[in-house]
């Protein structure tokens, strides 16, 4: 008897995410960046562009980290996977999700 096999739609996890893109951790990281930027803007007065960019850098950096990218959840996840691969903490084996890994099925 053939068992039921089906593919899960690619966007099925989007409904579990906030605004379809973010987890609670992502929003917390971005919120902390916004908080540090807000405090910097409130307490540090400047007319120089370089200093203003330095004050805005927590929001810019955390915004970049939680930005969604194709094939990964966000930039933070991509950087984490790259770090794990190059430090040898995790081995990745190539195996396509729709291939039979070189075995013939009959």
N, C-alpha and C. Protein backbone atom coordinates (compact mmCIF):
# COMPACT_ATOMS: atom_id res chain seq x y z
N UNK A 1 0.85 -1.19 0.00
CA UNK A 1 0.00 0.00 0.00
C UNK A 1 0.89 1.25 0.00
N UNK A 2 0.59 2.16 -0.86
CA UNK A 2 1.35 3.41 -1.00
C UNK A 2 1.01 4.34 0.16
N UNK A 3 2.03 4.81 0.85
CA UNK A 3 1.77 5.75 1.93
C UNK A 3 1.58 7.15 1.37
N UNK A 4 0.89 7.98 2.11
CA UNK A 4 0.63 9.34 1.65
C UNK A 4 1.91 10.16 1.72
N UNK A 5 2.30 10.73 0.61
CA UNK A 5 3.48 11.60 0.55
C UNK A 5 3.06 12.93 -0.05
N UNK A 6 3.48 13.99 0.57
CA UNK A 6 3.16 15.31 0.05
C UNK A 6 4.27 16.27 0.43
N UNK A 7 4.39 17.31 -0.33
CA UNK A 7 5.36 18.35 -0.05
C UNK A 7 4.70 19.46 0.75
N UNK A 8 5.42 19.97 1.71
CA UNK A 8 4.91 21.10 2.48
C UNK A 8 5.15 22.36 1.66
N UNK A 9 4.17 23.22 1.53
CA UNK A 9 4.38 24.46 0.75
C UNK A 9 5.54 25.27 1.30
N UNK A 10 6.26 25.92 0.40
CA UNK A 10 7.47 26.66 0.77
C UNK A 10 7.18 27.79 1.77
N UNK A 11 6.00 28.36 1.73
CA UNK A 11 5.70 29.51 2.60
C UNK A 11 4.90 29.11 3.84
N UNK A 12 4.90 27.84 4.24
CA UNK A 12 4.07 27.41 5.37
C UNK A 12 4.56 27.99 6.70
N UNK A 13 5.84 28.28 6.83
CA UNK A 13 6.34 28.84 8.08
C UNK A 13 6.12 30.35 8.18
N UNK A 14 5.83 30.99 7.06
CA UNK A 14 5.63 32.44 7.09
C UNK A 14 4.50 32.85 8.02
N UNK A 15 3.48 32.01 8.13
CA UNK A 15 2.34 32.36 8.97
C UNK A 15 2.70 32.33 10.46
N UNK A 16 3.79 31.66 10.81
CA UNK A 16 4.22 31.60 12.20
C UNK A 16 5.12 32.77 12.57
N UNK A 17 5.53 33.57 11.60
CA UNK A 17 6.44 34.69 11.84
C UNK A 17 5.68 36.00 11.98
N UNK A 18 6.23 36.93 12.71
CA UNK A 18 5.63 38.24 12.90
C UNK A 18 5.84 39.03 11.61
N UNK A 19 4.78 39.57 11.07
CA UNK A 19 4.76 40.26 9.77
C UNK A 19 5.22 39.34 8.64
N UNK A 20 5.23 38.05 8.86
CA UNK A 20 5.64 37.09 7.85
C UNK A 20 7.13 36.97 7.65
N UNK A 21 7.94 37.70 8.42
CA UNK A 21 9.39 37.69 8.23
C UNK A 21 10.20 37.55 9.52
N UNK A 22 9.69 37.98 10.66
CA UNK A 22 10.51 38.13 11.86
C UNK A 22 10.07 37.21 12.98
N UNK A 23 11.07 36.72 13.75
CA UNK A 23 10.78 36.01 14.99
C UNK A 23 10.83 37.02 16.13
N UNK A 24 10.45 36.58 17.31
CA UNK A 24 10.53 37.46 18.47
C UNK A 24 11.97 37.88 18.75
N UNK A 25 12.92 36.96 18.55
CA UNK A 25 14.33 37.26 18.77
C UNK A 25 14.81 38.32 17.79
N UNK A 26 14.39 38.22 16.53
CA UNK A 26 14.77 39.22 15.52
C UNK A 26 14.29 40.61 15.94
N UNK A 27 13.05 40.70 16.37
CA UNK A 27 12.52 42.00 16.77
C UNK A 27 13.18 42.51 18.04
N UNK A 28 13.58 41.60 18.94
CA UNK A 28 14.29 42.03 20.15
C UNK A 28 15.66 42.59 19.79
N UNK A 29 16.39 41.93 18.88
CA UNK A 29 17.69 42.43 18.44
C UNK A 29 17.54 43.80 17.80
N UNK A 30 16.58 43.93 16.89
CA UNK A 30 16.36 45.21 16.23
C UNK A 30 15.90 46.27 17.22
N UNK A 31 15.05 45.89 18.17
CA UNK A 31 14.58 46.84 19.19
C UNK A 31 15.72 47.36 20.05
N UNK A 32 16.67 46.49 20.40
CA UNK A 32 17.82 46.92 21.19
C UNK A 32 18.67 47.90 20.38
N UNK A 33 18.84 47.62 19.08
CA UNK A 33 19.58 48.55 18.22
C UNK A 33 18.90 49.90 18.13
N UNK A 34 17.58 49.90 18.00
CA UNK A 34 16.81 51.14 17.96
C UNK A 34 16.91 51.88 19.29
N UNK A 35 16.87 51.13 20.39
CA UNK A 35 16.97 51.75 21.72
C UNK A 35 18.31 52.45 21.90
N UNK A 36 19.41 51.77 21.56
CA UNK A 36 20.73 52.39 21.68
C UNK A 36 20.84 53.62 20.77
N UNK A 37 20.28 53.53 19.58
CA UNK A 37 20.31 54.67 18.66
C UNK A 37 19.49 55.84 19.23
N UNK A 38 18.33 55.54 19.76
CA UNK A 38 17.49 56.58 20.35
C UNK A 38 18.17 57.28 21.52
N UNK A 39 18.80 56.48 22.38
CA UNK A 39 19.53 57.07 23.52
C UNK A 39 20.69 57.94 23.00
N UNK A 40 21.40 57.43 22.00
CA UNK A 40 22.51 58.21 21.42
C UNK A 40 22.04 59.52 20.81
N UNK A 41 20.93 59.46 20.08
CA UNK A 41 20.40 60.68 19.46
C UNK A 41 19.91 61.68 20.51
N UNK A 42 19.38 61.16 21.62
CA UNK A 42 18.85 62.03 22.67
C UNK A 42 19.97 62.74 23.44
N UNK A 43 21.03 62.00 23.77
CA UNK A 43 22.07 62.55 24.63
C UNK A 43 23.25 63.17 23.89
N UNK A 44 23.52 62.74 22.68
CA UNK A 44 24.68 63.23 21.95
C UNK A 44 24.24 64.21 20.87
N UNK A 45 24.69 65.41 20.97
CA UNK A 45 24.36 66.44 19.97
C UNK A 45 25.54 66.60 19.03
N UNK A 46 25.28 66.57 17.73
CA UNK A 46 26.36 66.70 16.77
C UNK A 46 25.85 67.31 15.47
N UNK A 47 26.77 67.94 14.76
CA UNK A 47 26.46 68.49 13.44
C UNK A 47 27.30 67.81 12.36
N UNK A 48 28.10 66.84 12.75
CA UNK A 48 29.01 66.18 11.81
C UNK A 48 28.38 64.89 11.29
N UNK A 49 28.52 64.66 9.99
CA UNK A 49 27.94 63.48 9.35
C UNK A 49 28.55 62.19 9.90
N UNK A 50 29.88 62.17 10.08
CA UNK A 50 30.55 60.96 10.56
C UNK A 50 30.07 60.58 11.96
N UNK A 51 29.91 61.55 12.83
CA UNK A 51 29.43 61.27 14.18
C UNK A 51 27.97 60.83 14.16
N UNK A 52 27.18 61.43 13.27
CA UNK A 52 25.77 61.04 13.16
C UNK A 52 25.64 59.59 12.69
N UNK A 53 26.48 59.19 11.73
CA UNK A 53 26.47 57.80 11.26
C UNK A 53 26.91 56.85 12.37
N UNK A 54 27.85 57.27 13.20
CA UNK A 54 28.27 56.47 14.33
C UNK A 54 27.13 56.29 15.33
N UNK A 55 26.39 57.36 15.57
CA UNK A 55 25.24 57.28 16.48
C UNK A 55 24.15 56.38 15.89
N UNK A 56 23.94 56.46 14.59
CA UNK A 56 22.90 55.65 13.92
C UNK A 56 23.34 54.21 13.66
N UNK A 57 24.60 53.89 13.85
CA UNK A 57 25.12 52.57 13.50
C UNK A 57 24.43 51.40 14.22
N UNK A 58 24.02 51.48 15.50
CA UNK A 58 23.33 50.32 16.09
C UNK A 58 22.04 49.95 15.34
N UNK A 59 21.25 50.95 14.95
CA UNK A 59 20.02 50.66 14.21
C UNK A 59 20.33 50.14 12.81
N UNK A 60 21.34 50.70 12.16
CA UNK A 60 21.71 50.27 10.81
C UNK A 60 22.23 48.83 10.84
N UNK A 61 23.10 48.52 11.79
CA UNK A 61 23.69 47.18 11.87
C UNK A 61 22.63 46.13 12.23
N UNK A 62 21.81 46.40 13.23
CA UNK A 62 20.79 45.42 13.61
C UNK A 62 19.72 45.29 12.52
N UNK A 63 19.42 46.38 11.83
CA UNK A 63 18.49 46.29 10.70
C UNK A 63 19.04 45.42 9.59
N UNK A 64 20.34 45.52 9.33
CA UNK A 64 20.99 44.67 8.34
C UNK A 64 20.97 43.21 8.77
N UNK A 65 21.19 42.94 10.07
CA UNK A 65 21.21 41.56 10.56
C UNK A 65 19.86 40.86 10.45
N UNK A 66 18.77 41.58 10.64
CA UNK A 66 17.46 40.93 10.60
C UNK A 66 16.79 41.04 9.23
N UNK A 67 17.51 41.60 8.25
CA UNK A 67 16.97 41.72 6.89
C UNK A 67 16.85 40.33 6.26
N UNK A 68 15.69 39.99 5.71
CA UNK A 68 15.51 38.67 5.09
C UNK A 68 16.36 38.53 3.82
N UNK A 69 16.90 37.33 3.61
CA UNK A 69 17.66 37.01 2.40
C UNK A 69 17.13 35.69 1.84
N UNK A 70 17.24 35.49 0.52
CA UNK A 70 16.75 34.26 -0.09
C UNK A 70 17.49 33.03 0.44
N UNK A 71 16.78 31.94 0.62
CA UNK A 71 17.28 30.64 1.05
C UNK A 71 17.73 30.59 2.51
N UNK A 72 17.64 31.67 3.24
CA UNK A 72 17.95 31.71 4.66
C UNK A 72 16.89 32.56 5.33
N UNK A 73 16.79 32.45 6.65
CA UNK A 73 15.80 33.27 7.36
C UNK A 73 16.16 34.75 7.27
N UNK A 74 17.40 35.06 7.64
CA UNK A 74 17.88 36.44 7.56
C UNK A 74 19.40 36.45 7.51
N UNK A 75 20.00 37.61 7.47
CA UNK A 75 21.45 37.74 7.36
C UNK A 75 22.13 37.14 8.59
N UNK A 76 21.52 37.29 9.77
CA UNK A 76 22.10 36.74 10.99
C UNK A 76 22.22 35.21 10.89
N UNK A 77 21.21 34.54 10.37
CA UNK A 77 21.25 33.09 10.17
C UNK A 77 22.30 32.71 9.14
N UNK A 78 22.39 33.46 8.06
CA UNK A 78 23.39 33.20 7.03
C UNK A 78 24.80 33.32 7.60
N UNK A 79 25.08 34.39 8.33
CA UNK A 79 26.40 34.58 8.94
C UNK A 79 26.71 33.49 9.96
N UNK A 80 25.70 33.06 10.70
CA UNK A 80 25.88 31.97 11.67
C UNK A 80 26.25 30.67 10.96
N UNK A 81 25.59 30.35 9.87
CA UNK A 81 25.89 29.14 9.11
C UNK A 81 27.28 29.21 8.48
N UNK A 82 27.66 30.36 7.97
CA UNK A 82 29.01 30.53 7.40
C UNK A 82 30.05 30.34 8.49
N UNK A 83 29.83 30.91 9.66
CA UNK A 83 30.76 30.77 10.78
C UNK A 83 30.90 29.31 11.20
N UNK A 84 29.77 28.61 11.34
CA UNK A 84 29.81 27.20 11.73
C UNK A 84 30.54 26.35 10.70
N UNK A 85 30.36 26.65 9.42
CA UNK A 85 31.01 25.88 8.36
C UNK A 85 32.52 26.09 8.37
N UNK A 86 32.97 27.32 8.41
CA UNK A 86 34.40 27.60 8.32
C UNK A 86 35.17 27.30 9.60
N UNK A 87 34.51 27.25 10.74
CA UNK A 87 35.18 26.87 11.98
C UNK A 87 35.12 25.37 12.22
N UNK A 88 34.40 24.65 11.38
CA UNK A 88 34.31 23.20 11.51
C UNK A 88 33.35 22.72 12.57
N UNK A 89 32.52 23.60 13.09
CA UNK A 89 31.55 23.21 14.13
C UNK A 89 30.40 22.40 13.56
N UNK A 90 30.17 22.53 12.27
CA UNK A 90 29.08 21.78 11.65
C UNK A 90 29.51 21.38 10.25
N UNK A 91 29.23 20.14 9.89
CA UNK A 91 29.52 19.68 8.54
C UNK A 91 28.23 19.67 7.75
N UNK A 92 28.30 20.16 6.54
CA UNK A 92 27.15 20.17 5.66
C UNK A 92 27.40 19.16 4.55
N UNK A 93 26.44 18.32 4.30
CA UNK A 93 26.52 17.33 3.24
C UNK A 93 25.53 17.72 2.15
N UNK A 94 26.00 17.70 0.91
CA UNK A 94 25.11 18.03 -0.19
C UNK A 94 24.13 16.90 -0.40
N UNK A 95 22.88 17.25 -0.38
CA UNK A 95 21.82 16.30 -0.65
C UNK A 95 20.59 17.10 -1.05
N UNK A 96 20.20 17.01 -2.29
CA UNK A 96 19.04 17.76 -2.74
C UNK A 96 17.76 17.23 -2.13
N UNK A 97 16.80 18.07 -1.96
CA UNK A 97 15.55 17.64 -1.32
C UNK A 97 14.65 16.86 -2.27
N UNK A 98 14.94 16.92 -3.55
CA UNK A 98 14.08 16.20 -4.49
C UNK A 98 14.86 15.16 -5.29
N UNK A 99 16.08 14.86 -4.87
CA UNK A 99 16.89 13.85 -5.56
C UNK A 99 16.99 12.61 -4.70
N UNK A 100 17.40 11.53 -5.31
CA UNK A 100 17.47 10.27 -4.58
C UNK A 100 18.89 9.93 -4.12
N UNK A 101 19.78 10.89 -4.10
CA UNK A 101 21.16 10.73 -3.65
C UNK A 101 21.91 9.68 -4.45
N UNK A 102 21.66 9.60 -5.74
CA UNK A 102 22.38 8.67 -6.59
C UNK A 102 21.83 7.27 -6.64
N UNK A 103 20.82 6.97 -5.86
CA UNK A 103 20.23 5.63 -5.86
C UNK A 103 19.06 5.62 -6.85
N UNK A 104 18.95 4.52 -7.57
CA UNK A 104 17.81 4.37 -8.48
C UNK A 104 16.64 3.77 -7.73
N UNK A 105 15.50 4.38 -7.88
CA UNK A 105 14.27 3.83 -7.26
C UNK A 105 13.47 3.10 -8.32
N UNK A 106 12.95 2.01 -7.96
CA UNK A 106 12.12 1.24 -8.91
C UNK A 106 10.73 1.06 -8.38
